[in-house]
Amino acid sequence: MSWLHIFFALILLPAVAVGMIRILKGPTAADRMMTAQLFGTCGVAILLLLGAGMANPVLIDIALVFALLSALSTLTFVRRTWQPGKKKHDDPLS
């Protein structure tokens, strides 16, 4: 077990904790989705570090599945919220 990998995995945990505050206080759905992306990225990084530190290839496989799910959730969010013909009234360029 490599202590360096585990140390860096522990350093990433506060980023997830701070992201939880943004999920609860986020003013828009896009802010919440970006925080969910942060969770996905940090989760994948933590799993990859733990998989390398503990020499456990199963954690690396789980990290790859989480990366795919994170990308699919972002794609789903954009497809459900973005409407191409709709203009916003507060947009100065429209």
N, C-alpha and C. Protein backbone atom coordinates (compact mmCIF):
# COMPACT_ATOMS: atom_id res chain seq x y z
N MET A 1 0.85 -1.17 0.00
CA MET A 1 0.00 0.00 0.00
C MET A 1 0.89 1.24 0.00
N SER A 2 0.68 2.08 -0.97
CA SER A 2 1.48 3.29 -1.08
C SER A 2 0.82 4.41 -0.28
N TRP A 3 1.53 4.92 0.68
CA TRP A 3 0.96 5.97 1.54
C TRP A 3 0.78 7.27 0.77
N LEU A 4 1.57 7.48 -0.27
CA LEU A 4 1.47 8.71 -1.04
C LEU A 4 0.15 8.78 -1.81
N HIS A 5 -0.25 7.67 -2.40
CA HIS A 5 -1.53 7.64 -3.11
C HIS A 5 -2.70 7.89 -2.15
N ILE A 6 -2.65 7.27 -1.02
CA ILE A 6 -3.72 7.44 -0.04
C ILE A 6 -3.73 8.87 0.51
N PHE A 7 -2.57 9.45 0.70
CA PHE A 7 -2.48 10.83 1.17
C PHE A 7 -3.15 11.79 0.18
N PHE A 8 -2.88 11.62 -1.11
CA PHE A 8 -3.50 12.49 -2.11
C PHE A 8 -5.00 12.23 -2.25
N ALA A 9 -5.42 10.99 -2.02
CA ALA A 9 -6.86 10.70 -2.03
C ALA A 9 -7.54 11.42 -0.87
N LEU A 10 -6.89 11.49 0.27
CA LEU A 10 -7.45 12.20 1.42
C LEU A 10 -7.48 13.71 1.20
N ILE A 11 -6.54 14.22 0.42
CA ILE A 11 -6.53 15.65 0.11
C ILE A 11 -7.73 16.02 -0.76
N LEU A 12 -8.19 15.11 -1.60
CA LEU A 12 -9.33 15.39 -2.47
C LEU A 12 -10.67 15.37 -1.74
N LEU A 13 -10.74 14.74 -0.59
CA LEU A 13 -12.01 14.65 0.14
C LEU A 13 -12.59 16.01 0.55
N PRO A 14 -11.80 17.00 0.99
CA PRO A 14 -12.40 18.31 1.30
C PRO A 14 -13.06 18.98 0.09
N ALA A 15 -12.58 18.72 -1.10
CA ALA A 15 -13.21 19.30 -2.29
C ALA A 15 -14.63 18.77 -2.44
N VAL A 16 -14.82 17.51 -2.11
CA VAL A 16 -16.17 16.94 -2.16
C VAL A 16 -17.04 17.55 -1.07
N ALA A 17 -16.48 17.78 0.11
CA ALA A 17 -17.24 18.38 1.21
C ALA A 17 -17.65 19.82 0.88
N VAL A 18 -16.76 20.58 0.28
CA VAL A 18 -17.08 21.95 -0.12
C VAL A 18 -18.12 21.94 -1.24
N GLY A 19 -18.03 20.97 -2.12
CA GLY A 19 -19.02 20.85 -3.18
C GLY A 19 -20.42 20.59 -2.65
N MET A 20 -20.52 19.89 -1.54
CA MET A 20 -21.83 19.63 -0.95
C MET A 20 -22.52 20.93 -0.55
N ILE A 21 -21.74 21.90 -0.10
CA ILE A 21 -22.30 23.21 0.24
C ILE A 21 -22.87 23.88 -1.01
N ARG A 22 -22.15 23.77 -2.12
CA ARG A 22 -22.62 24.38 -3.37
C ARG A 22 -23.88 23.68 -3.88
N ILE A 23 -23.99 22.39 -3.67
CA ILE A 23 -25.21 21.67 -4.07
C ILE A 23 -26.40 22.22 -3.30
N LEU A 24 -26.23 22.46 -2.01
CA LEU A 24 -27.33 22.93 -1.18
C LEU A 24 -27.67 24.39 -1.43
N LYS A 25 -26.67 25.23 -1.73
CA LYS A 25 -26.88 26.66 -1.88
C LYS A 25 -26.93 27.14 -3.32
N GLY A 26 -26.61 26.26 -4.26
CA GLY A 26 -26.50 26.68 -5.66
C GLY A 26 -27.73 27.39 -6.17
N PRO A 27 -27.57 28.58 -6.73
CA PRO A 27 -28.75 29.34 -7.15
C PRO A 27 -29.41 28.76 -8.40
N THR A 28 -28.68 28.12 -9.26
CA THR A 28 -29.28 27.60 -10.49
C THR A 28 -29.00 26.10 -10.63
N ALA A 29 -29.74 25.50 -11.54
CA ALA A 29 -29.55 24.07 -11.80
C ALA A 29 -28.18 23.82 -12.44
N ALA A 30 -27.70 24.78 -13.21
CA ALA A 30 -26.38 24.62 -13.83
C ALA A 30 -25.27 24.59 -12.78
N ASP A 31 -25.41 25.40 -11.73
CA ASP A 31 -24.42 25.36 -10.65
C ASP A 31 -24.42 24.01 -9.97
N ARG A 32 -25.59 23.48 -9.76
CA ARG A 32 -25.69 22.16 -9.13
C ARG A 32 -25.12 21.07 -10.03
N MET A 33 -25.32 21.20 -11.32
CA MET A 33 -24.79 20.20 -12.25
C MET A 33 -23.27 20.27 -12.31
N MET A 34 -22.72 21.47 -12.27
CA MET A 34 -21.26 21.59 -12.26
C MET A 34 -20.67 20.99 -10.99
N THR A 35 -21.38 21.12 -9.89
CA THR A 35 -20.91 20.50 -8.65
C THR A 35 -21.00 18.98 -8.74
N ALA A 36 -22.03 18.49 -9.39
CA ALA A 36 -22.12 17.04 -9.60
C ALA A 36 -20.95 16.56 -10.47
N GLN A 37 -20.55 17.38 -11.42
CA GLN A 37 -19.37 17.04 -12.22
C GLN A 37 -18.11 17.02 -11.34
N LEU A 38 -18.03 17.97 -10.40
CA LEU A 38 -16.91 17.97 -9.46
C LEU A 38 -16.89 16.68 -8.64
N PHE A 39 -18.08 16.25 -8.19
CA PHE A 39 -18.16 14.99 -7.46
C PHE A 39 -17.68 13.83 -8.32
N GLY A 40 -18.10 13.82 -9.56
CA GLY A 40 -17.68 12.75 -10.45
C GLY A 40 -16.18 12.74 -10.69
N THR A 41 -15.62 13.92 -10.92
CA THR A 41 -14.18 14.01 -11.17
C THR A 41 -13.38 13.63 -9.93
N CYS A 42 -13.77 14.17 -8.79
CA CYS A 42 -13.06 13.84 -7.54
C CYS A 42 -13.25 12.37 -7.18
N GLY A 43 -14.44 11.87 -7.39
CA GLY A 43 -14.68 10.45 -7.09
C GLY A 43 -13.83 9.53 -7.95
N VAL A 44 -13.74 9.84 -9.23
CA VAL A 44 -12.90 9.04 -10.12
C VAL A 44 -11.44 9.15 -9.71
N ALA A 45 -10.99 10.37 -9.39
CA ALA A 45 -9.58 10.55 -8.99
C ALA A 45 -9.28 9.81 -7.69
N ILE A 46 -10.19 9.87 -6.73
CA ILE A 46 -9.98 9.17 -5.46
C ILE A 46 -9.94 7.67 -5.68
N LEU A 47 -10.86 7.15 -6.48
CA LEU A 47 -10.85 5.71 -6.74
C LEU A 47 -9.60 5.26 -7.49
N LEU A 48 -9.14 6.07 -8.44
CA LEU A 48 -7.92 5.72 -9.16
C LEU A 48 -6.71 5.74 -8.23
N LEU A 49 -6.64 6.73 -7.35
CA LEU A 49 -5.53 6.79 -6.41
C LEU A 49 -5.57 5.63 -5.43
N LEU A 50 -6.74 5.31 -4.92
CA LEU A 50 -6.85 4.18 -4.00
C LEU A 50 -6.58 2.85 -4.71
N GLY A 51 -7.03 2.73 -5.95
CA GLY A 51 -6.76 1.51 -6.71
C GLY A 51 -5.28 1.31 -6.96
N ALA A 52 -4.57 2.40 -7.25
CA ALA A 52 -3.12 2.30 -7.45
C ALA A 52 -2.40 2.10 -6.12
N GLY A 53 -2.87 2.78 -5.07
CA GLY A 53 -2.20 2.67 -3.78
C GLY A 53 -2.37 1.33 -3.12
N MET A 54 -3.51 0.70 -3.31
CA MET A 54 -3.77 -0.60 -2.68
C MET A 54 -3.60 -1.75 -3.67
N ALA A 55 -3.17 -1.45 -4.88
CA ALA A 55 -2.98 -2.46 -5.94
C ALA A 55 -4.25 -3.29 -6.13
N ASN A 56 -5.38 -2.59 -6.25
CA ASN A 56 -6.68 -3.23 -6.41
C ASN A 56 -7.27 -2.81 -7.75
N PRO A 57 -7.21 -3.67 -8.77
CA PRO A 57 -7.70 -3.29 -10.09
C PRO A 57 -9.22 -3.12 -10.16
N VAL A 58 -9.94 -3.67 -9.20
CA VAL A 58 -11.40 -3.52 -9.20
C VAL A 58 -11.78 -2.05 -9.00
N LEU A 59 -11.04 -1.33 -8.16
CA LEU A 59 -11.33 0.09 -7.94
C LEU A 59 -11.10 0.90 -9.21
N ILE A 60 -10.14 0.51 -10.01
CA ILE A 60 -9.89 1.20 -11.28
C ILE A 60 -11.05 0.97 -12.24
N ASP A 61 -11.59 -0.25 -12.26
CA ASP A 61 -12.75 -0.53 -13.11
C ASP A 61 -13.97 0.27 -12.66
N ILE A 62 -14.17 0.37 -11.37
CA ILE A 62 -15.30 1.15 -10.84
C ILE A 62 -15.12 2.62 -11.20
N ALA A 63 -13.90 3.13 -11.14
CA ALA A 63 -13.63 4.53 -11.51
C ALA A 63 -13.98 4.78 -12.97
N LEU A 64 -13.68 3.83 -13.84
CA LEU A 64 -14.02 3.99 -15.26
C LEU A 64 -15.54 4.01 -15.47
N VAL A 65 -16.26 3.19 -14.74
CA VAL A 65 -17.72 3.19 -14.84
C VAL A 65 -18.27 4.52 -14.34
N PHE A 66 -17.73 5.05 -13.24
CA PHE A 66 -18.18 6.34 -12.72
C PHE A 66 -17.90 7.46 -13.71
N ALA A 67 -16.77 7.39 -14.42
CA ALA A 67 -16.45 8.42 -15.41
C ALA A 67 -17.47 8.39 -16.56
N LEU A 68 -17.86 7.21 -16.99
CA LEU A 68 -18.87 7.10 -18.04
C LEU A 68 -20.23 7.62 -17.56
N LEU A 69 -20.61 7.28 -16.34
CA LEU A 69 -21.88 7.75 -15.80
C LEU A 69 -21.89 9.27 -15.63
N SER A 70 -20.77 9.83 -15.26
CA SER A 70 -20.68 11.28 -15.11
C SER A 70 -20.88 11.98 -16.45
N ALA A 71 -20.26 11.45 -17.48
CA ALA A 71 -20.42 12.04 -18.81
C ALA A 71 -21.86 11.90 -19.30
N LEU A 72 -22.48 10.78 -19.06
CA LEU A 72 -23.86 10.58 -19.48
C LEU A 72 -24.83 11.48 -18.72
N SER A 73 -24.57 11.70 -17.44
CA SER A 73 -25.46 12.57 -16.68
C SER A 73 -25.37 14.02 -17.17
N THR A 74 -24.19 14.46 -17.53
CA THR A 74 -24.05 15.81 -18.07
C THR A 74 -24.75 15.94 -19.42
N LEU A 75 -24.61 14.95 -20.25
CA LEU A 75 -25.27 14.96 -21.54
C LEU A 75 -26.78 14.98 -21.38
N THR A 76 -27.29 14.21 -20.45
CA THR A 76 -28.73 14.19 -20.18
C THR A 76 -29.22 15.53 -19.67
N PHE A 77 -28.44 16.15 -18.78
CA PHE A 77 -28.82 17.46 -18.25
C PHE A 77 -28.92 18.49 -19.36
N VAL A 78 -27.94 18.52 -20.22
CA VAL A 78 -27.92 19.51 -21.31
C VAL A 78 -29.09 19.25 -22.27
N ARG A 79 -29.34 18.01 -22.59
CA ARG A 79 -30.44 17.70 -23.52
C ARG A 79 -31.80 18.06 -22.95
N ARG A 80 -31.95 17.97 -21.64
CA ARG A 80 -33.25 18.27 -21.02
C ARG A 80 -33.44 19.75 -20.74
N THR A 81 -32.37 20.53 -20.60
CA THR A 81 -32.53 21.93 -20.22
C THR A 81 -32.30 22.90 -21.36
N TRP A 82 -31.52 22.55 -22.35
CA TRP A 82 -31.21 23.49 -23.42
C TRP A 82 -32.28 23.43 -24.48
N GLN A 83 -32.80 24.59 -24.84
CA GLN A 83 -33.80 24.67 -25.89
C GLN A 83 -33.29 25.64 -26.94
N PRO A 84 -33.02 25.17 -28.16
CA PRO A 84 -32.31 25.97 -29.15
C PRO A 84 -33.02 27.23 -29.61
N GLY A 85 -34.33 27.26 -29.73
CA GLY A 85 -35.00 28.43 -30.27
C GLY A 85 -35.39 29.46 -29.23
N LYS A 86 -35.19 29.17 -27.99
CA LYS A 86 -35.66 30.05 -26.92
C LYS A 86 -34.60 31.09 -26.58
N LYS A 87 -35.02 32.39 -26.55
CA LYS A 87 -34.12 33.46 -26.17
C LYS A 87 -34.49 33.96 -24.78
N LYS A 88 -33.49 34.32 -24.04
CA LYS A 88 -33.73 34.86 -22.71
C LYS A 88 -33.90 36.36 -22.79
N HIS A 89 -34.77 36.90 -21.95
CA HIS A 89 -35.03 38.34 -21.97
C HIS A 89 -33.88 39.14 -21.36
N ASP A 90 -33.14 38.53 -20.44
CA ASP A 90 -32.08 39.28 -19.78
C ASP A 90 -30.74 39.16 -20.52
N ASP A 91 -30.71 38.49 -21.66
CA ASP A 91 -29.47 38.34 -22.42
C ASP A 91 -29.27 39.57 -23.31
N PRO A 92 -28.19 40.35 -23.09
CA PRO A 92 -28.00 41.57 -23.88
C PRO A 92 -27.67 41.30 -25.34
N LEU A 93 -27.23 40.09 -25.68
CA LEU A 93 -26.87 39.79 -27.05
C LEU A 93 -28.04 39.30 -27.88
N SER A 94 -29.17 39.04 -27.27
CA SER A 94 -30.29 38.51 -28.06
C SER A 94 -31.23 39.59 -28.53
